[in-house]
Structure formats: C-alpha cells, structure tokens
Amino acid sequence: MKRIIYLIPMLLFFIAGCKKDYLETKPSNGVTQQQIFSKLNTVYAALNGVQKEQFAAGIGASTDHDNFGQKAFDLQSDLMGNDMVVHSQGYGWFNADYSLTAWQSAKTATQSDNAWYFYYDVVGAADRIYSIADGIIDAAADEKNAIKGQALGLRAYAYYYLINYFQQTYKGNETKPGVPVHIVIPVESAGRGTVKEVYTQIVADLTQAETLLTGKPRASKAVIDVSVVQGLHARVALVMEDWATAATYAAKARTGYSLMTGSQYGAFGAFSLVSNPEWMWGSAIPADQATIYASFFSHMDIRTGGYAALGGQKKITKALYDQIPAGDIRKTVFTTPGAGTTANPDYNQLKHQVADINNRWAADYLYMRIAEMYLIEAEADERLGQDAPARTVLETLIKTRNPAYSASAFSGAGLLLEILLQRRIELWGEGFSLIDIKRLNQGLNRPTGAGNHGAPSFDPGVYTTGAADARFLMRIPQRELDNNDHMTAADQNP
C-alpha cells in the first residue's frame, strides 16, 4: 500500500534544523522518532513548529507571494465572495482567485496544491504529536493531556478547512466525496470517504480535545486552548446546521474575553496585534520572522509599501459600505468616498493595518475572535426560534460599534437577515465569505456599478453564479491522484 506523499510535516525541521521525510522510521543518525519526542521540551518545540507553519511563507512547492499560510487562504475566501473588490491589476497576486479561476488547477504549486499540502502537513504533525504524547518521560499527566488536546484541536482545524475547500457545504452533501481522513501512524493512503465521515471525525476530535484541555493554561494565544476548541466547535456546528450546539459552544467560547471598545476597534493595531482583548487565537509574529512581501499585510495595508500599495488595494463594496450607518465605528475603517487618493482610493480598507509603521512587517495574524462567537450565537438562537436572546446577543456586540444600535424592530426572517448583514460587516476581510456563501446556499451575487465590482476597478469577469458552483471547489492536486492508490481520476472535483 502506498503512503500518502503529502504528509511531510515541519516538526522535525523546527527541531533538527533540517527537514526529514515524515515517513522515515529512523533519521540518518539511527535515533527513532519515539526517542526524539520522548522529552517534553522537544514536543513543545514540535507544537511550536506547527504554530509557526500557520504564518510561514512558501510551505509546499510554491514560493510565490500568495502562499503564506492560513491568512492566504482567508484572503482567497473573501476575494471569492461578494463584498471585497480588487482596485486594479497591480502585480496580479490573487486576481485569479477574485476571478474564480485559481482553484480550477490541479497542478503542483497552485492554490489547491498549496492548501492540500499545508493542511495535511498540519494533520500529519498533529497525528504524530498525539501518538507519542503518552510516551513523554518527563511530562506529568496534565501536560500529556494538554499536548494531546492541542494536537486534536489542530487536526480538527485542518480538516475543517480541507472539507470546506474541497467540497460543498455539509447540509445536503453528507454522502458526497469528502477528503481522506488519516488518524493512524504511520499514515497510509486513503480514499475520499464522505463529507459526513470527515465531519464526524472533526466533531470527535473537538469533543475529546475539550475534555483534555479543560482547566489547562496556555503559554500564549498562539496555542490552542479550550476556548479555541469550543470556538472551532461552534464554527463546525454552524456549517452543519446544528443550531443548538452552535449556540451553546459559541457562548462557552467567548466566556472570559472582552469586546473591543469603539476606540480600540478603530486603532491601527486592532487587527494586527494578538494582545487585543477580543482575540482568542492568533500568531504573534516578530519582525525577524515576518514574511515581508509574501504576507497578509503586504496585500492588505497600503502603509507597508507592499502589493496593496501597488494597485492591489482591497476595497469594500459601496453596496455594503452604504449599509453601515453613520456613527458606527466600522464605517471609519474604510476610505470615505470622495476623500480617496491614487494610493488610497475610495472604499479602500483601513481595517487591517500594521500597528507600527516604523516596524511595518511586525504584524500578528488573527484566526479567531469573540465577535464571531456573538454572531454565531445570535444566528443559531434565531434559527431555533429564540428571537429575544438572539436580539440580546446581537445588540451586545453591535452597540460596542454603534451605541445607537437597536435590534428591537427585527424578528423572524428579518432578524436573521439583520444578523447575516452584521456578520458581513463585522467580519469583513477575516476570511469567512466563501464558506458563508456555500453554507447559506446562495451563490455569488456581486453588486456592480460605481464603487462596486467591475470598471473602473479590476474586472473579475464573474458576477453571479448558482449555488454550489463547481468553481467554489479546489481541485484535488494531480500529484495526489498520481500517488494515492485509493484515488483515481474519477475522484477529481468537477
């Protein structure tokens, strides 16, 4: 049986300084991996390596400047949605994603190949760490449990993005092909299974991780703790339309955190400093580990002098901007129409900016914050027919952005539409657009005309699609089909 070629995780790279084949049972010096990972500090170094991979550039076969870990995929998701506009051709990075063509290639070093490699790298590392945790000779039981819980959380996180990128949403597609699930060491190749099987594994991992991590402290927000696991469980339940679970876990996850004030929301570092009180999970990236032009802020913040300043500015649509009322702090994080310049055009995003322009590349990456949890809880409550608690949760969040806000006039279907609108405004640019479009069974419906998609901005060439469009799916990498004896050309996405 062939062993899948993609699972070559970075943990040995960060420990030994040189990347060993994940499938080797012994490195060249004759020491087994079990011996290498028998000490607590070595396992922590391995976990730290996985955490660093989330913001590393050039993981896999591509060293292009659109390949920099999780935030590269978050940006692709938003560009493939309704609410983000590319200003002009610029250097061309991510324009194919905006045009819904990038994911259609199965070639090595394309976006689909990058995603497959990156997330399965995380899966492989998590599998390995989980499998050796009980053999750590200098770790107490609580420390072993925390390590196993982190590994399971990372594995669930990786499978969540794999299944959402390589297949349509959960509901109505449960029996369709999913992605290969690997939970044994050494990892053998596997077929696609079903969507339901993948989600079953994700939920099982998160459930066990919650038990293992409850009461365990973490060293930093880069480390998955019980709140992050609960937040991931809320995300997963939302996609599965398990409303009661989504509401319960969103409420659990946000416990102990504080919402930003209006002044905090409008500050330069609101979305680039992991110290923000609203952030639940993120990577603190020192300047000496920044990936410079191949980074999220290079493509988003014109102040860095990166690609966003060279024609690749990212703008909110006029259609969505106009729905943000005056007095809402969120309206101030976009360039006011009529006040724009060549470098900073109308509607340009000012939300994702580095905190210190004098240290322009030292900016942290955001993966989860509690505003998302409020929005999940509000949506789930409303779908359960519980309008009163849904309004309360929604108002609690939005009043911190707009003190005059009231949800009292909304109920039923109107309340759901209001929650979804506030979700689009609040989470703009944070990577949720495409997954939301898919789970809501909407398809694309991009507004056109002045300030929206198309001329005089860059023309994406596609403005509407049906629900479950094939272009919403990444292609299975050709080198996976070539090397996995449980998959054939017939397993390729349409």
Protein backbone atom coordinates (compact mmCIF):
# COMPACT_ATOMS: atom_id res chain seq x y z
CA MET A 1 0.00 0.00 0.00
CA LYS A 2 1.30 3.45 -0.87
CA ARG A 3 1.78 6.01 1.84
CA ILE A 4 0.40 9.41 1.03
CA ILE A 5 3.15 11.72 -0.15
CA TYR A 6 1.79 14.97 1.22
CA LEU A 7 2.16 14.25 4.91
CA ILE A 8 5.69 15.58 5.42
CA PRO A 9 5.22 17.82 8.45
CA MET A 10 7.52 20.60 9.55
CA LEU A 11 8.02 19.49 13.15
CA LEU A 12 11.40 17.83 12.54
CA PHE A 13 12.51 20.90 10.61
CA PHE A 14 11.96 23.15 13.61
CA ILE A 15 13.64 20.69 15.97
CA ALA A 16 16.58 19.38 13.98
CA GLY A 17 17.12 22.31 11.64
CA CYS A 18 16.73 20.13 8.55
CA LYS A 19 13.57 18.62 7.11
CA LYS A 20 13.39 14.80 7.35
CA ASP A 21 10.94 12.62 5.46
CA TYR A 22 7.85 12.16 7.62
CA LEU A 23 7.63 8.53 6.53
CA GLU A 24 11.09 7.57 7.76
CA THR A 25 11.04 5.38 10.86
CA LYS A 26 14.62 6.38 11.75
CA PRO A 27 16.57 9.53 10.90
CA SER A 28 20.04 9.03 9.50
CA ASN A 29 21.66 9.09 12.95
CA GLY A 30 19.73 5.97 13.96
CA VAL A 31 17.61 7.60 16.67
CA THR A 32 13.92 6.76 16.41
CA GLN A 33 11.28 9.43 16.31
CA GLN A 34 9.86 8.00 19.54
CA GLN A 35 13.21 8.70 21.20
CA ILE A 36 13.36 12.20 19.70
CA PHE A 37 9.93 13.01 21.09
CA SER A 38 10.40 11.40 24.49
CA LYS A 39 11.20 14.74 26.14
CA LEU A 40 8.69 17.47 26.89
CA ASN A 41 10.78 20.33 25.51
CA THR A 42 11.12 18.52 22.18
CA VAL A 43 7.38 18.01 21.86
CA TYR A 44 6.75 21.65 22.73
CA ALA A 45 9.21 22.58 20.01
CA ALA A 46 7.23 20.42 17.60
CA LEU A 47 3.97 22.14 18.54
CA ASN A 48 5.68 25.48 18.17
CA GLY A 49 6.73 24.41 14.69
CA VAL A 50 3.13 23.72 13.68
CA GLN A 51 2.09 27.10 15.09
CA LYS A 52 4.82 28.82 13.06
CA GLU A 53 3.72 26.98 9.93
CA GLN A 54 0.41 28.83 10.15
CA PHE A 55 2.16 32.05 9.12
CA ALA A 56 5.15 30.68 7.20
CA ALA A 57 5.63 31.56 3.53
CA GLY A 58 6.46 29.02 0.87
CA ILE A 59 5.20 25.87 2.61
CA GLY A 60 4.94 23.20 -0.07
CA ALA A 61 6.06 23.57 -3.66
CA SER A 62 5.21 27.25 -4.16
CA THR A 63 7.38 30.16 -3.07
CA ASP A 64 5.05 32.67 -4.72
CA HIS A 65 3.95 35.71 -2.76
CA ASP A 66 0.38 34.44 -2.43
CA ASN A 67 1.41 31.48 -0.26
CA PHE A 68 1.80 32.47 3.40
CA GLY A 69 -0.25 30.09 5.50
CA GLN A 70 -3.73 30.50 6.91
CA LYS A 71 -4.22 34.16 6.05
CA ALA A 72 -3.51 33.47 2.37
CA PHE A 73 -6.50 31.13 2.31
CA ASP A 74 -8.60 33.58 4.33
CA LEU A 75 -7.88 36.25 1.72
CA GLN A 76 -8.81 33.89 -1.11
CA SER A 77 -12.13 33.14 0.60
CA ASP A 78 -13.03 36.82 0.86
CA LEU A 79 -11.94 37.63 -2.69
CA MET A 80 -14.18 34.85 -3.98
CA GLY A 81 -17.18 36.38 -2.23
CA ASN A 82 -19.47 39.36 -2.76
CA ASP A 83 -18.02 42.10 -0.57
CA MET A 84 -14.34 42.59 -1.48
CA VAL A 85 -13.18 44.47 -4.59
CA VAL A 86 -9.68 44.49 -6.14
CA HIS A 87 -8.78 48.04 -7.12
CA SER A 88 -6.64 47.37 -10.19
CA GLN A 89 -4.46 44.77 -11.91
CA GLY A 90 -1.41 45.67 -9.81
CA TYR A 91 1.10 42.82 -9.66
CA GLY A 92 -1.67 40.29 -10.19
CA TRP A 93 -1.45 38.34 -6.95
CA PHE A 94 -4.83 36.83 -6.01
CA ASN A 95 -6.56 38.28 -9.08
CA ALA A 96 -7.24 34.77 -10.38
CA ASP A 97 -8.89 33.94 -7.03
CA TYR A 98 -11.06 37.05 -7.41
CA SER A 99 -11.97 35.81 -10.90
CA LEU A 100 -12.80 32.30 -9.60
CA THR A 101 -10.20 30.60 -11.80
CA ALA A 102 -7.29 29.94 -9.41
CA TRP A 103 -8.90 26.96 -7.71
CA GLN A 104 -9.55 25.18 -11.01
CA SER A 105 -5.98 24.00 -11.47
CA ALA A 106 -4.70 20.71 -10.06
CA LYS A 107 -1.08 21.45 -10.97
CA THR A 108 1.73 21.48 -8.44
CA ALA A 109 2.31 24.83 -6.68
CA THR A 110 -1.18 26.18 -7.46
CA GLN A 111 -3.66 27.25 -4.78
CA SER A 112 -5.32 23.84 -4.47
CA ASP A 113 -1.96 22.12 -4.19
CA ASN A 114 -0.80 24.67 -1.60
CA ALA A 115 -3.90 24.11 0.53
CA TRP A 116 -3.69 20.31 0.34
CA TYR A 117 -0.04 20.36 1.33
CA PHE A 118 -0.44 22.93 4.11
CA TYR A 119 -3.45 21.42 5.88
CA TYR A 120 -2.31 17.82 5.53
CA ASP A 121 1.05 18.92 6.89
CA VAL A 122 -0.81 20.13 9.99
CA VAL A 123 -2.77 16.86 10.11
CA GLY A 124 0.42 14.79 9.89
CA ALA A 125 2.15 16.78 12.63
CA ALA A 126 -0.91 16.58 14.87
CA ASP A 127 -1.19 12.81 14.34
CA ARG A 128 2.46 12.32 15.22
CA ILE A 129 2.35 14.53 18.33
CA TYR A 130 -0.83 12.88 19.59
CA SER A 131 0.57 9.40 19.06
CA ILE A 132 3.73 9.99 21.10
CA ALA A 133 2.31 12.16 23.89
CA ASP A 134 1.80 9.33 26.37
CA GLY A 135 5.45 8.31 25.94
CA ILE A 136 6.93 11.64 27.09
CA ILE A 137 9.06 10.55 30.02
CA ASP A 138 9.34 13.90 31.81
CA ALA A 139 5.73 15.07 31.44
CA ALA A 140 3.02 14.94 34.07
CA ALA A 141 -0.40 13.56 33.17
CA ASP A 142 -1.90 17.05 32.82
CA GLU A 143 0.90 18.07 30.46
CA LYS A 144 0.37 14.99 28.30
CA ASN A 145 -3.36 15.68 28.16
CA ALA A 146 -2.78 19.29 27.16
CA ILE A 147 -0.46 18.20 24.35
CA LYS A 148 -2.96 15.65 23.08
CA GLY A 149 -5.76 18.22 23.27
CA GLN A 150 -3.75 20.74 21.25
CA ALA A 151 -2.94 18.10 18.65
CA LEU A 152 -6.59 17.11 18.28
CA GLY A 153 -7.62 20.76 18.03
CA LEU A 154 -5.08 21.37 15.27
CA ARG A 155 -6.21 18.27 13.40
CA ALA A 156 -9.87 19.32 13.58
CA TYR A 157 -8.97 22.84 12.41
CA ALA A 158 -7.10 21.45 9.38
CA TYR A 159 -9.88 19.04 8.40
CA TYR A 160 -12.48 21.81 8.73
CA TYR A 161 -10.76 23.89 6.07
CA LEU A 162 -9.95 20.90 3.86
CA ILE A 163 -13.57 19.73 3.72
CA ASN A 164 -14.89 23.26 3.14
CA TYR A 165 -12.42 23.98 0.33
CA PHE A 166 -12.57 20.63 -1.45
CA GLN A 167 -16.34 20.02 -1.22
CA GLN A 168 -19.57 21.93 -0.96
CA THR A 169 -21.17 22.63 2.40
CA TYR A 170 -22.25 19.91 4.81
CA LYS A 171 -26.04 20.09 4.65
CA GLY A 172 -27.42 18.20 1.66
CA ASN A 173 -23.99 16.88 0.69
CA GLU A 174 -23.36 14.43 3.51
CA THR A 175 -22.84 11.44 1.20
CA LYS A 176 -20.67 13.21 -1.37
CA PRO A 177 -16.90 12.61 -1.52
CA GLY A 178 -15.03 14.32 1.28
CA VAL A 179 -11.28 14.34 1.84
CA PRO A 180 -9.05 11.49 3.04
CA VAL A 181 -9.06 11.11 6.81
CA HIS A 182 -5.86 9.88 8.48
CA ILE A 183 -5.83 9.03 12.17
CA VAL A 184 -3.15 6.31 12.32
CA ILE A 185 0.65 6.29 12.38
CA PRO A 186 2.34 5.59 10.03
CA VAL A 187 -0.08 7.33 7.69
CA GLU A 188 -1.29 5.18 4.83
CA SER A 189 -3.09 6.49 1.79
CA ALA A 190 -6.86 6.65 1.94
CA GLY A 191 -9.78 7.46 -0.32
CA ARG A 192 -12.08 10.45 -0.08
CA GLY A 193 -14.71 8.85 2.12
CA THR A 194 -17.80 11.02 2.61
CA VAL A 195 -18.47 14.52 3.87
CA LYS A 196 -20.29 13.07 6.87
CA GLU A 197 -17.32 10.90 7.80
CA VAL A 198 -14.99 13.90 7.78
CA TYR A 199 -17.31 15.96 9.97
CA THR A 200 -17.80 13.00 12.32
CA GLN A 201 -14.03 12.90 12.84
CA ILE A 202 -13.83 16.68 13.32
CA VAL A 203 -16.55 16.65 15.99
CA ALA A 204 -14.96 13.65 17.72
CA ASP A 205 -11.58 15.39 17.80
CA LEU A 206 -13.05 18.61 19.17
CA THR A 207 -15.10 16.79 21.79
CA GLN A 208 -12.07 14.89 23.07
CA ALA A 209 -9.88 17.99 22.87
CA GLU A 210 -12.33 19.95 25.02
CA THR A 211 -12.13 17.33 27.75
CA LEU A 212 -8.34 17.18 27.60
CA LEU A 213 -7.85 20.96 27.62
CA THR A 214 -10.42 21.98 30.23
CA GLY A 215 -8.63 23.72 33.06
CA LYS A 216 -5.28 23.73 31.25
CA PRO A 217 -3.48 27.08 30.89
CA ARG A 218 -1.71 28.09 27.71
CA ALA A 219 1.55 29.94 27.15
CA SER A 220 0.15 32.37 24.57
CA LYS A 221 -2.74 32.95 22.18
CA ALA A 222 -0.78 31.08 19.50
CA VAL A 223 -1.60 27.91 21.44
CA ILE A 224 -4.99 26.25 21.08
CA ASP A 225 -6.79 26.15 24.43
CA VAL A 226 -10.26 25.04 25.45
CA SER A 227 -11.87 28.33 24.33
CA VAL A 228 -10.43 27.95 20.82
CA VAL A 229 -11.63 24.34 20.66
CA GLN A 230 -15.09 25.49 21.71
CA GLY A 231 -14.95 28.26 19.09
CA LEU A 232 -14.00 25.73 16.41
CA HIS A 233 -16.86 23.50 17.56
CA ALA A 234 -19.26 26.46 17.19
CA ARG A 235 -17.98 27.10 13.63
CA VAL A 236 -18.39 23.46 12.69
CA ALA A 237 -21.88 23.22 14.18
CA LEU A 238 -22.92 26.36 12.30
CA VAL A 239 -21.95 24.78 8.98
CA MET A 240 -23.66 21.52 9.97
CA GLU A 241 -26.82 23.50 10.87
CA ASP A 242 -26.71 22.01 14.36
CA TRP A 243 -28.09 25.21 15.82
CA ALA A 244 -28.34 24.19 19.46
CA THR A 245 -24.72 23.04 19.54
CA ALA A 246 -23.57 26.16 17.70
CA ALA A 247 -25.29 28.45 20.22
CA THR A 248 -24.02 26.51 23.21
CA TYR A 249 -20.41 26.39 22.09
CA ALA A 250 -20.29 29.99 20.89
CA ALA A 251 -21.45 31.13 24.34
CA LYS A 252 -18.88 28.89 26.03
CA ALA A 253 -16.06 30.05 23.79
CA ARG A 254 -16.45 33.77 24.42
CA THR A 255 -16.50 33.43 28.20
CA GLY A 256 -13.69 35.37 29.82
CA TYR A 257 -12.94 37.65 26.87
CA SER A 258 -13.90 41.29 26.36
CA LEU A 259 -15.29 43.01 23.29
CA MET A 260 -13.29 45.89 21.87
CA THR A 261 -14.46 49.40 22.59
CA GLY A 262 -15.10 51.69 19.65
CA SER A 263 -11.73 53.39 20.07
CA GLN A 264 -9.95 50.03 20.21
CA TYR A 265 -11.74 48.87 17.07
CA GLY A 266 -10.58 51.91 15.12
CA ALA A 267 -6.94 51.72 16.26
CA PHE A 268 -4.16 50.70 13.87
CA GLY A 269 -3.39 47.55 15.85
CA ALA A 270 -6.96 46.30 16.30
CA PHE A 271 -6.49 43.62 13.66
CA SER A 272 -2.71 43.24 13.77
CA LEU A 273 -1.87 42.78 17.47
CA VAL A 274 -2.56 39.50 19.24
CA SER A 275 -2.71 41.41 22.54
CA ASN A 276 -6.14 42.75 21.53
CA PRO A 277 -8.56 41.62 24.29
CA GLU A 278 -11.06 40.35 21.72
CA TRP A 279 -8.62 37.97 20.03
CA MET A 280 -8.99 34.32 21.00
CA TRP A 281 -6.39 32.78 18.71
CA GLY A 282 -3.64 34.26 16.60
CA SER A 283 0.05 34.20 15.73
CA ALA A 284 2.44 36.71 17.27
CA ILE A 285 4.94 37.34 14.50
CA PRO A 286 8.24 39.01 15.45
CA ALA A 287 9.81 41.24 12.81
CA ASP A 288 12.64 38.77 12.24
CA GLN A 289 10.10 36.04 11.38
CA ALA A 290 7.89 38.19 9.17
CA THR A 291 7.45 37.07 5.58
CA ILE A 292 7.64 40.62 4.17
CA TYR A 293 6.07 40.88 0.71
CA ALA A 294 4.68 37.35 0.93
CA SER A 295 2.38 38.29 3.80
CA PHE A 296 -1.20 39.20 4.55
CA PHE A 297 -0.43 42.82 5.37
CA SER A 298 1.63 43.26 2.20
CA HIS A 299 -1.57 42.50 0.28
CA MET A 300 -3.89 44.48 2.55
CA ASP A 301 -2.21 47.52 4.11
CA ILE A 302 -1.11 50.31 1.78
CA ARG A 303 1.10 51.69 4.56
CA THR A 304 3.54 48.76 4.31
CA GLY A 305 4.57 49.69 0.76
CA GLY A 306 3.74 46.11 -0.27
CA TYR A 307 1.42 44.92 -3.02
CA ALA A 308 -1.60 46.74 -1.60
CA ALA A 309 0.18 50.00 -2.37
CA LEU A 310 0.98 48.93 -5.92
CA GLY A 311 -2.53 48.67 -7.35
CA GLY A 312 -3.70 45.67 -5.36
CA GLN A 313 -5.76 47.64 -2.85
CA LYS A 314 -8.67 45.71 -1.34
CA LYS A 315 -11.93 47.66 -1.05
CA ILE A 316 -15.34 47.13 0.47
CA THR A 317 -18.24 47.38 -1.98
CA LYS A 318 -20.26 50.56 -1.98
CA ALA A 319 -23.32 48.35 -1.54
CA LEU A 320 -22.11 47.05 1.83
CA TYR A 321 -20.45 50.30 2.93
CA ASP A 322 -23.72 52.18 2.45
CA GLN A 323 -25.45 49.81 4.87
CA ILE A 324 -23.12 50.81 7.71
CA PRO A 325 -24.79 53.76 9.47
CA ALA A 326 -23.05 56.98 10.40
CA GLY A 327 -21.88 56.75 13.99
CA ASP A 328 -20.78 53.12 13.56
CA ILE A 329 -17.02 52.86 14.12
CA ARG A 330 -16.84 50.20 11.42
CA LYS A 331 -17.59 52.80 8.76
CA THR A 332 -14.35 54.59 9.64
CA VAL A 333 -12.11 51.64 8.74
CA PHE A 334 -12.71 52.25 5.03
CA THR A 335 -11.72 55.30 3.00
CA THR A 336 -14.63 57.72 2.82
CA PRO A 337 -15.95 58.11 -0.73
CA GLY A 338 -14.79 61.39 -2.21
CA ALA A 339 -11.75 61.53 0.08
CA GLY A 340 -9.69 58.92 -1.76
CA THR A 341 -6.34 59.35 -3.47
CA THR A 342 -4.43 57.35 -6.05
CA ALA A 343 -2.70 55.34 -3.32
CA ASN A 344 -5.72 55.22 -1.02
CA PRO A 345 -8.82 55.06 -3.25
CA ASP A 346 -12.42 55.44 -2.16
CA TYR A 347 -13.69 52.46 -0.14
CA ASN A 348 -10.15 51.16 0.42
CA GLN A 349 -9.84 49.04 3.53
CA LEU A 350 -8.14 50.61 6.57
CA LYS A 351 -9.21 47.84 8.93
CA HIS A 352 -6.22 45.53 8.56
CA GLN A 353 -3.23 47.76 9.21
CA VAL A 354 0.07 47.24 10.97
CA ALA A 355 0.25 48.80 14.39
CA ASP A 356 3.62 50.50 13.97
CA ILE A 357 4.50 51.75 10.51
CA ASN A 358 8.11 52.19 11.64
CA ASN A 359 8.22 48.43 12.20
CA ARG A 360 5.94 47.73 9.29
CA TRP A 361 6.31 43.96 8.95
CA ALA A 362 5.88 43.08 12.64
CA ALA A 363 2.15 42.37 12.46
CA ASP A 364 0.26 39.46 14.01
CA TYR A 365 -2.24 37.15 12.31
CA LEU A 366 -5.82 36.78 13.55
CA TYR A 367 -7.58 33.38 13.38
CA MET A 368 -10.47 33.77 15.83
CA ARG A 369 -12.07 36.50 17.95
CA ILE A 370 -15.15 36.63 20.12
CA ALA A 371 -17.19 38.86 17.80
CA GLU A 372 -17.58 35.79 15.60
CA MET A 373 -18.92 33.85 18.59
CA TYR A 374 -21.57 36.51 19.30
CA LEU A 375 -22.68 36.34 15.68
CA ILE A 376 -22.79 32.53 15.66
CA GLU A 377 -24.83 32.51 18.87
CA ALA A 378 -27.24 35.14 17.57
CA GLU A 379 -27.79 33.32 14.28
CA ALA A 380 -28.22 29.95 15.96
CA ASP A 381 -30.67 31.35 18.50
CA GLU A 382 -32.78 32.93 15.78
CA ARG A 383 -32.84 29.73 13.74
CA LEU A 384 -34.08 27.95 16.86
CA GLY A 385 -36.95 30.42 17.01
CA GLN A 386 -35.49 32.23 20.02
CA ASP A 387 -35.69 35.82 18.80
CA ALA A 388 -35.36 37.51 22.19
CA PRO A 389 -31.98 36.01 23.13
CA ALA A 390 -30.81 36.45 19.52
CA ARG A 391 -31.59 40.19 19.71
CA THR A 392 -29.87 40.49 23.08
CA VAL A 393 -26.67 38.83 21.88
CA LEU A 394 -26.65 40.84 18.65
CA GLU A 395 -27.21 44.15 20.44
CA THR A 396 -24.48 43.39 22.98
CA LEU A 397 -21.99 43.12 20.12
CA ILE A 398 -23.15 45.89 17.80
CA LYS A 399 -23.65 48.52 20.50
CA THR A 400 -19.89 48.42 21.09
CA ARG A 401 -19.51 49.51 17.45
CA ASN A 402 -22.55 51.81 17.26
CA PRO A 403 -24.00 52.97 20.61
CA ALA A 404 -27.26 53.96 18.92
CA TYR A 405 -27.89 50.47 17.56
CA SER A 406 -31.08 48.62 18.41
CA ALA A 407 -32.35 45.26 17.17
CA SER A 408 -35.77 45.66 18.73
CA ALA A 409 -37.51 46.16 15.38
CA PHE A 410 -36.32 42.84 14.00
CA SER A 411 -37.94 39.46 14.34
CA GLY A 412 -38.17 36.19 12.44
CA ALA A 413 -36.79 36.22 8.91
CA GLY A 414 -35.99 39.93 9.18
CA LEU A 415 -33.87 39.31 12.27
CA LEU A 416 -31.95 36.55 10.51
CA LEU A 417 -31.21 38.87 7.58
CA GLU A 418 -30.02 41.54 10.02
CA ILE A 419 -27.69 39.08 11.78
CA LEU A 420 -26.24 37.95 8.47
CA LEU A 421 -25.74 41.56 7.38
CA GLN A 422 -23.95 42.39 10.62
CA ARG A 423 -21.81 39.29 10.14
CA ARG A 424 -20.68 40.54 6.71
CA ILE A 425 -19.85 43.98 8.11
CA GLU A 426 -18.17 42.82 11.30
CA LEU A 427 -16.08 40.02 9.81
CA TRP A 428 -15.17 41.76 6.53
CA GLY A 429 -11.68 40.75 5.45
CA GLU A 430 -11.31 37.97 8.03
CA GLY A 431 -11.82 35.00 5.72
CA PHE A 432 -15.47 33.95 6.09
CA SER A 433 -17.10 34.99 2.81
CA LEU A 434 -16.90 31.88 0.66
CA ILE A 435 -17.72 29.38 3.39
CA ASP A 436 -20.73 31.51 4.34
CA ILE A 437 -21.91 31.72 0.74
CA LYS A 438 -21.66 27.95 0.46
CA ARG A 439 -23.37 27.12 3.76
CA LEU A 440 -26.18 29.60 3.04
CA ASN A 441 -26.69 28.06 -0.40
CA GLN A 442 -26.59 31.48 -2.02
CA GLY A 443 -24.16 31.58 -4.89
CA LEU A 444 -22.42 34.79 -5.90
CA ASN A 445 -24.39 37.98 -6.42
CA ARG A 446 -21.80 40.73 -6.77
CA PRO A 447 -23.14 44.27 -6.98
CA THR A 448 -21.95 46.30 -9.96
CA GLY A 449 -21.70 49.96 -10.83
CA ALA A 450 -19.72 52.83 -9.31
CA GLY A 451 -17.92 51.74 -6.13
CA ASN A 452 -18.78 48.08 -6.62
CA HIS A 453 -17.33 45.27 -8.75
CA GLY A 454 -16.03 45.92 -12.25
CA ALA A 455 -14.91 49.03 -14.13
CA PRO A 456 -13.18 51.25 -13.25
CA SER A 457 -11.82 48.73 -10.73
CA PHE A 458 -10.30 45.42 -11.83
CA ASP A 459 -12.82 43.32 -13.74
CA PRO A 460 -13.24 39.88 -12.12
CA GLY A 461 -15.25 38.64 -15.11
CA VAL A 462 -17.82 36.82 -12.96
CA TYR A 463 -20.63 38.49 -11.02
CA THR A 464 -23.26 35.84 -10.42
CA THR A 465 -23.25 32.09 -10.00
CA GLY A 466 -25.69 29.44 -8.98
CA ALA A 467 -25.47 27.88 -5.56
CA ALA A 468 -22.88 25.10 -5.23
CA ASP A 469 -20.95 26.32 -8.27
CA ALA A 470 -18.09 23.99 -9.20
CA ARG A 471 -15.70 26.96 -9.04
CA PHE A 472 -16.23 27.04 -5.27
CA LEU A 473 -14.25 23.79 -5.03
CA MET A 474 -10.50 23.34 -5.07
CA ARG A 475 -9.23 20.64 -7.39
CA ILE A 476 -7.58 17.55 -5.91
CA PRO A 477 -3.85 18.02 -6.66
CA GLN A 478 -2.73 15.90 -9.58
CA ARG A 479 0.28 14.60 -7.68
CA GLU A 480 -2.09 13.28 -5.02
CA LEU A 481 -4.14 11.40 -7.62
CA ASP A 482 -0.93 10.06 -9.14
CA ASN A 483 0.46 8.74 -5.86
CA ASN A 484 -2.56 7.70 -3.81
CA ASP A 485 -3.59 4.17 -4.76
CA HIS A 486 -7.05 4.73 -3.23
CA MET A 487 -7.86 7.56 -5.63
CA THR A 488 -8.23 7.76 -9.39
CA ALA A 489 -9.02 10.45 -11.95
CA ALA A 490 -12.69 9.76 -11.21
CA ASP A 491 -12.19 11.22 -7.73
CA GLN A 492 -11.38 14.66 -9.12
CA ASN A 493 -13.73 17.52 -8.35
CA PRO A 494 -15.70 18.88 -11.31
